[in-house]
Protein backbone atom coordinates (compact mmCIF):
# COMPACT_ATOMS: atom_id res chain seq x y z
CA UNK A 1 55.73 211.38 141.32
CA UNK A 2 54.32 208.38 139.44
CA UNK A 3 56.83 206.87 137.02
CA UNK A 4 56.46 204.50 134.06
CA UNK A 5 59.62 202.61 133.09
CA UNK A 6 59.59 200.93 129.67
CA UNK A 7 61.43 197.64 129.15
CA UNK A 8 61.77 194.10 130.42
CA UNK A 9 65.45 193.23 130.82
CA UNK A 10 68.20 193.32 133.39
CA UNK A 11 68.86 196.96 132.55
CA UNK A 12 65.27 197.82 133.43
CA UNK A 13 65.33 195.84 136.68
CA UNK A 14 68.49 197.73 137.70
CA UNK A 15 66.91 201.07 136.78
CA UNK A 16 63.73 200.12 138.65
CA UNK A 17 65.80 199.12 141.70
CA UNK A 18 67.45 202.54 141.69
CA UNK A 19 64.24 204.49 141.02
CA UNK A 20 62.50 202.65 143.87
CA UNK A 21 65.05 204.12 146.30
CA UNK A 22 63.99 207.70 145.55
CA UNK A 23 62.04 209.65 148.16
CA UNK A 24 60.32 211.44 145.27
CA UNK A 25 58.68 208.27 143.97
CA UNK A 26 54.95 207.74 144.23
CA UNK A 27 54.10 204.60 142.25
CA UNK A 28 56.53 202.86 139.89
CA UNK A 29 55.09 201.02 136.88
CA UNK A 30 57.23 198.83 134.62
CA UNK A 31 56.01 197.88 131.16
CA UNK A 32 56.15 195.02 130.52
CA UNK A 33 58.76 194.21 133.19
CA UNK A 34 59.76 190.74 134.34
CA UNK A 35 59.45 188.54 137.41
CA UNK A 36 62.12 190.58 139.20
CA UNK A 37 60.77 194.06 138.51
CA UNK A 38 57.50 192.99 140.14
CA UNK A 39 59.35 193.11 143.48
CA UNK A 40 60.12 196.85 143.21
CA UNK A 41 57.11 198.13 141.28
CA UNK A 42 53.95 197.16 139.40
CA UNK A 43 54.31 195.36 136.08
CA UNK A 44 52.00 196.49 133.28
CA UNK A 45 51.23 194.44 130.16
CA UNK A 46 52.18 197.04 127.55
CA UNK A 47 54.41 196.72 124.51
CA UNK A 48 57.22 199.28 124.51
CA UNK A 49 56.40 200.28 120.92
CA UNK A 50 52.62 200.59 121.38
CA UNK A 51 52.66 204.36 121.84
CA UNK A 52 48.87 204.74 121.85
CA UNK A 53 48.45 202.21 124.67
CA UNK A 54 51.34 203.79 126.60
CA UNK A 55 49.74 207.21 126.22
CA UNK A 56 46.37 205.94 127.47
CA UNK A 57 48.05 204.39 130.51
CA UNK A 58 50.00 207.58 131.28
CA UNK A 59 46.80 209.64 131.19
CA UNK A 60 44.69 207.21 133.22
CA UNK A 61 47.30 206.58 135.93
CA UNK A 62 48.53 210.16 136.43
CA UNK A 63 52.07 209.29 135.31
CA UNK A 64 54.36 212.33 135.48
CA UNK A 65 57.53 210.72 134.12
CA UNK A 66 58.30 208.06 131.50
CA UNK A 67 61.78 206.51 131.51
CA UNK A 68 62.64 204.65 128.31
CA UNK A 69 64.95 201.67 128.79
CA UNK A 70 65.48 200.04 125.36
CA UNK A 71 66.42 201.66 122.07
CA UNK A 72 63.53 200.53 119.86
CA UNK A 73 60.86 202.98 121.10
CA UNK A 74 63.41 205.81 121.05
CA UNK A 75 64.46 205.12 117.46
CA UNK A 76 60.77 204.91 116.52
CA UNK A 77 60.16 208.35 118.01
CA UNK A 78 58.36 208.01 121.33
CA UNK A 79 59.77 211.35 122.52
CA UNK A 80 58.35 213.08 119.41
CA UNK A 81 55.01 211.31 119.93
CA UNK A 82 54.73 212.73 123.46
CA UNK A 83 55.92 216.19 122.42
CA UNK A 84 53.29 216.37 119.66
CA UNK A 85 50.35 215.62 121.99
CA UNK A 86 48.98 218.47 124.08
CA UNK A 87 47.85 216.02 126.78
CA UNK A 88 51.31 214.43 127.04
CA UNK A 89 53.87 217.12 126.37
CA UNK A 90 54.10 218.07 130.06
CA UNK A 91 55.02 214.48 130.97
CA UNK A 92 58.77 214.23 131.56
CA UNK A 93 60.10 211.72 129.03
CA UNK A 94 63.67 210.55 129.65
CA UNK A 95 65.05 209.70 126.24
CA UNK A 96 66.15 211.58 123.12
CA UNK A 97 64.08 212.69 120.17
CA UNK A 98 63.89 210.46 117.10
CA UNK A 99 66.61 212.61 115.51
CA UNK A 100 68.82 212.11 118.57
CA UNK A 101 68.23 208.36 118.65
CA UNK A 102 69.66 208.14 115.13
CA UNK A 103 73.05 208.20 116.90
CA UNK A 104 72.27 204.55 117.61
CA UNK A 105 69.76 203.86 114.86
CA UNK A 106 72.23 204.54 112.03
CA UNK A 107 75.91 203.60 112.23
CA UNK A 108 76.57 205.72 109.15
CA UNK A 109 74.97 208.81 110.73
CA UNK A 110 76.98 208.28 113.92
CA UNK A 111 80.27 207.99 112.02
CA UNK A 112 79.52 211.06 109.90
CA UNK A 113 78.53 212.99 113.06
CA UNK A 114 81.86 212.10 114.66
CA UNK A 115 83.71 213.16 111.53
CA UNK A 116 81.85 216.52 111.45
CA UNK A 117 82.71 217.28 115.07
CA UNK A 118 86.28 215.97 115.17
CA UNK A 119 85.50 213.13 117.57
CA UNK A 120 88.18 210.38 117.46
CA UNK A 121 86.97 207.13 115.88
CA UNK A 122 88.06 204.50 113.36
CA UNK A 123 88.38 205.39 109.66
CA UNK A 124 85.40 204.12 107.66
CA UNK A 125 83.31 204.13 104.49
CA UNK A 126 79.66 203.19 103.95
CA UNK A 127 78.31 201.13 101.04
CA UNK A 128 74.86 200.12 99.80
CA UNK A 129 73.62 197.37 97.51
CA UNK A 130 74.68 199.25 94.37
CA UNK A 131 78.26 199.54 95.63
CA UNK A 132 79.20 195.96 96.43
CA UNK A 133 82.31 195.89 94.25
CA UNK A 134 83.46 199.28 95.57
CA UNK A 135 83.07 197.91 99.08
CA UNK A 136 85.13 194.86 98.23
CA UNK A 137 87.87 197.11 96.83
CA UNK A 138 87.81 199.26 99.98
CA UNK A 139 88.34 196.14 102.08
CA UNK A 140 91.54 195.51 100.08
CA UNK A 141 92.96 198.80 101.44
CA UNK A 142 92.55 197.72 105.07
CA UNK A 143 94.58 195.45 107.32
CA UNK A 144 92.94 192.38 108.91
CA UNK A 145 90.82 191.77 110.85
CA UNK A 146 87.93 193.46 109.07
CA UNK A 147 84.96 195.19 110.75
CA UNK A 148 81.56 195.23 109.03
CA UNK A 149 78.56 196.90 110.67
CA UNK A 150 74.95 196.86 109.53
CA UNK A 151 73.81 200.48 109.43
CA UNK A 152 70.50 199.89 111.24
CA UNK A 153 69.38 198.24 114.49
CA UNK A 154 70.06 194.50 114.74
CA UNK A 155 69.54 193.87 118.47
CA UNK A 156 73.30 193.80 118.99
CA UNK A 157 73.95 191.23 116.26
CA UNK A 158 74.81 193.44 113.29
CA UNK A 159 78.59 193.71 113.76
CA UNK A 160 80.96 191.20 112.19
CA UNK A 161 84.71 191.02 112.82
CA UNK A 162 86.29 188.62 110.32
CA UNK A 163 89.93 187.52 109.98
CA UNK A 164 90.51 187.25 106.22
CA UNK A 165 89.89 189.44 103.19
CA UNK A 166 88.02 186.74 101.27
CA UNK A 167 85.70 186.09 104.20
CA UNK A 168 85.11 189.83 104.66
CA UNK A 169 84.19 190.25 100.99
CA UNK A 170 81.83 187.27 101.18
CA UNK A 171 80.17 188.57 104.35
CA UNK A 172 79.80 192.04 102.81
CA UNK A 173 77.95 190.54 99.82
CA UNK A 174 75.64 188.58 102.13
CA UNK A 175 74.95 191.58 104.37
CA UNK A 176 74.07 193.80 101.43
CA UNK A 177 71.86 190.98 100.08
CA UNK A 178 69.71 191.04 103.22
CA UNK A 179 71.52 189.04 105.92
CA UNK A 180 70.05 191.41 108.53
CA UNK A 181 67.02 192.51 106.51
CA UNK A 182 66.71 196.22 105.87
CA UNK A 183 69.16 196.95 108.71
CA UNK A 184 72.03 195.87 106.44
CA UNK A 185 70.81 197.61 103.29
CA UNK A 186 73.82 199.78 104.01
CA UNK A 187 77.03 198.52 105.60
CA UNK A 188 79.73 200.50 107.37
CA UNK A 189 83.24 199.12 106.85
CA UNK A 190 85.80 200.45 109.28
CA UNK A 191 89.36 199.88 110.36
CA UNK A 192 89.87 197.52 113.29
CA UNK A 193 90.96 199.24 116.50
CA UNK A 194 93.06 197.25 118.97
CA UNK A 195 92.76 197.86 122.69
CA UNK A 196 90.54 197.33 125.75
CA UNK A 197 86.97 198.58 125.59
CA UNK A 198 85.22 200.75 128.15
CA UNK A 199 81.62 201.94 128.43
CA UNK A 200 81.06 205.53 129.51
CA UNK A 201 77.60 206.96 130.17
CA UNK A 202 76.27 210.47 130.56
CA UNK A 203 72.92 211.99 131.35
CA UNK A 204 72.26 215.21 129.45
CA UNK A 205 69.50 217.80 129.38
CA UNK A 206 70.68 218.95 125.96
CA UNK A 207 73.16 221.54 127.18
CA UNK A 208 74.74 220.23 130.39
CA UNK A 209 75.67 216.67 131.31
CA UNK A 210 76.65 214.46 134.23
CA UNK A 211 79.11 211.61 133.79
CA UNK A 212 77.99 208.34 135.40
CA UNK A 213 80.35 205.64 136.68
CA UNK A 214 82.13 203.88 133.82
CA UNK A 215 82.03 200.11 133.28
CA UNK A 216 83.41 197.36 131.10
CA UNK A 217 81.21 194.59 129.75
CA UNK A 218 82.00 191.15 128.35
CA UNK A 219 80.15 190.20 125.18
CA UNK A 220 81.62 186.83 124.16
CA UNK A 221 79.98 183.64 125.38
CA UNK A 222 83.22 181.81 126.17
CA UNK A 223 85.94 182.18 128.78
CA UNK A 224 88.79 184.41 127.69
CA UNK A 225 86.50 186.31 125.30
CA UNK A 226 86.01 183.45 122.88
CA UNK A 227 83.02 182.23 120.92
CA UNK A 228 79.93 184.05 119.71
CA UNK A 229 78.87 187.55 120.71
CA UNK A 230 76.01 187.81 123.21
CA UNK A 231 74.00 190.61 124.76
CA UNK A 232 76.57 190.63 127.55
CA UNK A 233 77.86 188.08 130.07
CA UNK A 234 78.84 190.45 132.85
CA UNK A 235 80.38 193.80 133.71
CA UNK A 236 82.74 195.50 136.12
CA UNK A 237 83.03 199.04 137.49
CA UNK A 238 85.30 200.96 137.95
CA UNK A 239 87.69 200.30 135.05
CA UNK A 240 91.35 200.62 136.16
CA UNK A 241 92.70 202.47 133.11
CA UNK A 242 89.80 204.96 133.18
CA UNK A 243 91.61 207.13 135.69
CA UNK A 244 91.16 210.87 136.13
CA UNK A 245 93.59 211.75 133.33
CA UNK A 246 92.02 209.33 130.83
CA UNK A 247 88.50 210.43 131.70
CA UNK A 248 89.55 214.07 131.30
CA UNK A 249 90.55 213.21 127.71
CA UNK A 250 87.25 211.41 127.21
CA UNK A 251 85.32 214.44 128.40
CA UNK A 252 87.36 216.95 126.39
CA UNK A 253 87.71 214.97 123.14
CA UNK A 254 84.45 212.99 123.08
CA UNK A 255 81.69 213.85 125.57
CA UNK A 256 81.69 217.64 125.30
CA UNK A 257 81.97 217.71 121.47
CA UNK A 258 79.12 215.19 121.25
CA UNK A 259 76.71 217.13 123.47
CA UNK A 260 77.69 220.44 121.87
CA UNK A 261 77.48 218.91 118.39
CA UNK A 262 73.93 217.70 118.99
CA UNK A 263 72.91 221.15 120.19
CA UNK A 264 74.64 222.85 117.26
CA UNK A 265 72.76 220.65 114.81
CA UNK A 266 69.44 221.43 116.51
CA UNK A 267 68.92 217.85 117.70
CA UNK A 268 66.79 217.61 120.86
CA UNK A 269 68.47 215.24 123.30
CA UNK A 270 67.30 214.67 126.88
CA UNK A 271 68.46 211.35 128.27
CA UNK A 272 71.34 208.90 128.36
CA UNK A 273 74.20 208.74 125.90
CA UNK A 274 76.30 205.58 125.88
CA UNK A 275 79.83 205.94 124.57
CA UNK A 276 81.35 202.62 123.54
CA UNK A 277 85.05 203.48 123.79
CA UNK A 278 88.32 201.70 123.18
CA UNK A 279 91.63 202.53 124.82
CA UNK A 280 94.15 202.67 121.97
CA UNK A 281 97.57 203.04 123.64
CA UNK A 282 96.13 205.53 126.11
CA UNK A 283 94.01 207.41 123.58
CA UNK A 284 90.21 206.97 123.84
CA UNK A 285 88.33 206.46 120.58
CA UNK A 286 84.60 205.91 119.94
CA UNK A 287 83.46 202.53 118.64
CA UNK A 288 79.75 203.32 118.82
CA UNK A 289 77.05 205.43 120.41
CA UNK A 290 73.88 204.13 122.03
CA UNK A 291 70.92 206.32 122.94
CA UNK A 292 70.24 204.49 126.21
CA UNK A 293 72.04 202.67 129.02
CA UNK A 294 73.95 199.49 128.22
CA UNK A 295 73.12 196.03 129.48
CA UNK A 296 74.74 194.45 131.55
CA UNK A 297 76.68 197.60 132.42
CA UNK A 298 73.60 199.14 134.08
CA UNK A 299 73.71 196.28 136.59
CA UNK A 300 77.00 197.65 137.95
CA UNK A 301 76.65 201.37 137.13
CA UNK A 302 73.44 201.67 139.19
CA UNK A 303 75.24 200.18 142.19
CA UNK A 304 77.92 202.88 141.98
CA UNK A 305 75.57 205.79 141.22
CA UNK A 306 75.43 207.72 144.49
CA UNK A 307 72.48 210.00 143.73
CA UNK A 308 68.71 210.19 143.71
CA UNK A 309 68.10 209.14 140.12
CA UNK A 310 64.67 210.80 139.98
CA UNK A 311 66.30 214.06 141.02
CA UNK A 312 68.70 213.66 138.09
CA UNK A 313 65.86 212.80 135.71
CA UNK A 314 63.93 215.87 136.88
CA UNK A 315 67.03 217.93 136.07
CA UNK A 316 67.11 216.41 132.59
CA UNK A 317 63.43 217.17 132.00
CA UNK A 318 63.58 220.76 133.24
CA UNK A 319 66.98 221.74 131.86
CA UNK A 320 68.45 222.12 135.35
CA UNK A 321 70.78 219.12 135.39
CA UNK A 322 73.83 221.27 136.17
CA UNK A 323 72.39 222.04 139.61
CA UNK A 324 71.86 218.37 140.53
CA UNK A 325 74.28 216.29 142.58
CA UNK A 326 75.89 213.06 141.38
CA UNK A 327 78.66 211.16 143.13
CA UNK A 328 80.38 207.85 142.39
CA UNK A 329 80.37 205.19 145.10
CA UNK A 330 84.05 204.31 145.69
CA UNK A 331 83.36 200.60 146.00
CA UNK A 332 83.86 198.10 143.19
CA UNK A 333 80.87 196.39 141.57
CA UNK A 334 80.82 193.22 139.47
CA UNK A 335 77.90 191.67 137.59
CA UNK A 336 77.84 188.04 136.47
CA UNK A 337 75.10 187.03 134.02
CA UNK A 338 73.57 183.55 134.13
CA UNK A 339 72.26 182.49 130.72
CA UNK A 340 70.30 179.63 129.20
CA UNK A 341 72.10 176.58 127.87
CA UNK A 342 72.73 176.99 124.14
CA UNK A 343 72.54 180.79 124.21
CA UNK A 344 73.18 182.84 122.03
CA UNK A 345 71.83 180.20 119.65
CA UNK A 346 68.89 177.89 120.36
CA UNK A 347 67.88 177.52 124.00
CA UNK A 348 65.00 176.22 126.09
CA UNK A 349 62.49 178.41 127.95
CA UNK A 350 60.28 177.61 130.92
CA UNK A 351 62.96 175.99 133.09
CA UNK A 352 62.01 176.23 136.77
CA UNK A 353 64.40 178.37 138.82
CA UNK A 354 65.26 177.97 142.51
CA UNK A 355 67.66 179.47 145.07
CA UNK A 356 67.54 182.94 143.53
CA UNK A 357 67.69 184.86 146.82
CA UNK A 358 71.41 185.55 147.13
CA UNK A 359 72.55 186.95 150.46
CA UNK A 360 75.07 189.80 150.20
CA UNK A 361 74.39 190.45 146.50
CA UNK A 362 71.72 192.14 144.37
CA UNK A 363 69.97 189.92 141.84
CA UNK A 364 68.61 191.54 138.68
CA UNK A 365 66.21 189.52 136.55
CA UNK A 366 66.49 189.65 132.75
CA UNK A 367 64.70 186.77 131.04
CA UNK A 368 62.41 185.50 133.79
CA UNK A 369 58.66 185.01 134.19
CA UNK A 370 56.08 183.19 136.31
CA UNK A 371 54.39 180.07 134.96
CA UNK A 372 50.74 179.10 135.54
CA UNK A 373 51.69 177.53 138.86
CA UNK A 374 53.40 180.72 139.99
CA UNK A 375 56.89 179.24 139.74
CA UNK A 376 59.82 181.38 138.63
CA UNK A 377 60.97 180.18 135.19
CA UNK A 378 63.42 181.17 132.48
CA UNK A 379 61.98 183.13 129.56
CA UNK A 380 65.02 184.35 127.65
CA UNK A 381 68.64 183.72 126.74
CA UNK A 382 70.09 186.06 129.33
CA UNK A 383 68.24 184.98 132.45
CA UNK A 384 69.43 186.56 135.68
CA UNK A 385 72.36 188.69 136.85
CA UNK A 386 74.14 188.69 140.20
CA UNK A 387 75.71 192.04 141.12
CA UNK A 388 77.88 192.62 144.17
CA UNK A 389 79.85 195.32 145.92
CA UNK A 390 83.39 194.80 147.11
CA UNK A 391 86.31 196.73 148.55
CA UNK A 392 88.20 195.31 145.56
CA UNK A 393 87.17 193.98 142.17
CA UNK A 394 88.20 190.49 143.25
CA UNK A 395 86.03 190.62 146.38
CA UNK A 396 83.02 191.76 144.36
CA UNK A 397 83.71 189.06 141.75
CA UNK A 398 83.92 186.32 144.37
CA UNK A 399 80.55 187.33 145.81
CA UNK A 400 78.88 187.39 142.40
CA UNK A 401 80.42 184.06 141.41
CA UNK A 402 79.13 182.47 144.61
CA UNK A 403 75.67 183.83 143.86
CA UNK A 404 75.75 182.60 140.27
CA UNK A 405 76.73 179.15 141.53
CA UNK A 406 73.85 179.16 144.04
CA UNK A 407 71.07 179.91 141.54
CA UNK A 408 69.65 176.75 140.02
CA UNK A 409 67.87 175.97 136.74
CA UNK A 410 68.39 173.44 133.98
CA UNK A 411 71.11 174.39 131.51
CA UNK A 412 72.51 177.32 133.52
CA UNK A 413 75.79 178.74 132.23
CA UNK A 414 77.92 181.70 133.29
CA UNK A 415 81.46 182.91 132.70
CA UNK A 416 83.83 182.62 135.65
CA UNK A 417 86.44 185.05 134.29
CA UNK A 418 84.62 188.41 134.26
CA UNK A 419 87.28 191.13 134.68
CA UNK A 420 90.07 188.76 133.69
CA UNK A 421 91.78 191.27 131.37
CA UNK A 422 91.91 194.17 133.85
CA UNK A 423 94.87 194.86 136.10
CA UNK A 424 95.10 197.56 138.76
């Protein structure tokens, strides 16, 4: 089958890498893709939110399946757009309906959904611009640190964790005054949960689901999880504490009630669900949902996914996922992300890259492009990821670190302590 994958980051390169391994694949198109995805498919100059142009391309290139990588087109309703068009509704679209994508598009909706279905999460309240003083009073009832989340999409930047009450009240006022534009017209304030985070992913056809390999990502720019939040500096899989007993609790308390809750509320959901979890003294709780795969977790999860991903996607599209086979590769996988100097604040683009062919590892491009001379150059903050297998986490980490050290471009930075907080 011909497949169109939407997106341009490391997540999409990892998905493209996995899709390209399928015997069912005809031609793989990636829109818009990056310099790395061009090695496993054909890049197409389409914007992921230009539904009309995407539809024209699907019709003219006999595309039978569209896989949606990022959240923006899902939240904007690309699945509904396809379903409403007689010429497109038979195209398999891997991604939830607009109503399903609200799990990620609205923090308040997600928290209320969890409350309705008894899914363990932090206590919370939501406030808008008319309730600033009530929000400040609610903060007084909590213990520090304080968690404030913009209700809408903020490209991963809408969550603040602040140490003092006065700072939290000040940040709340600024958020409700437009710090994140309309995304923070409402703010969710919730109790801080202490523990180690874990990312769990499922594919669902709306009634059945398959659990993918779990991972843990590292969001802070600095060693030891210090400094500003980023889009992710690396990831590891498996996660030691996510053993069979813990994952059984996750499935029973969180995954199954989520999938069943969506169905009970009449919400069409065919695609990935990301569960951002935290291990609170052995008890899993939900921090957030996403309606797509995480990045950079995908760069390790795809390595450990022992299955034909197009077979799984076909199961999602046809409601036959239960009959499909999915195994977890027993090896460890570690991803190390190389970023631009200055990221996540100001950084340069267009830096020429060399030595990107890393023997013994898999390199996933994120923010890369080709300049007029055909040279590989940086084009984003998160530039390129090195993912490696290993018989142990340490072996995989050493391979990825060696690869990250080999790649060259001006201003390169990467964390050398990915996985530092995990102990077998």
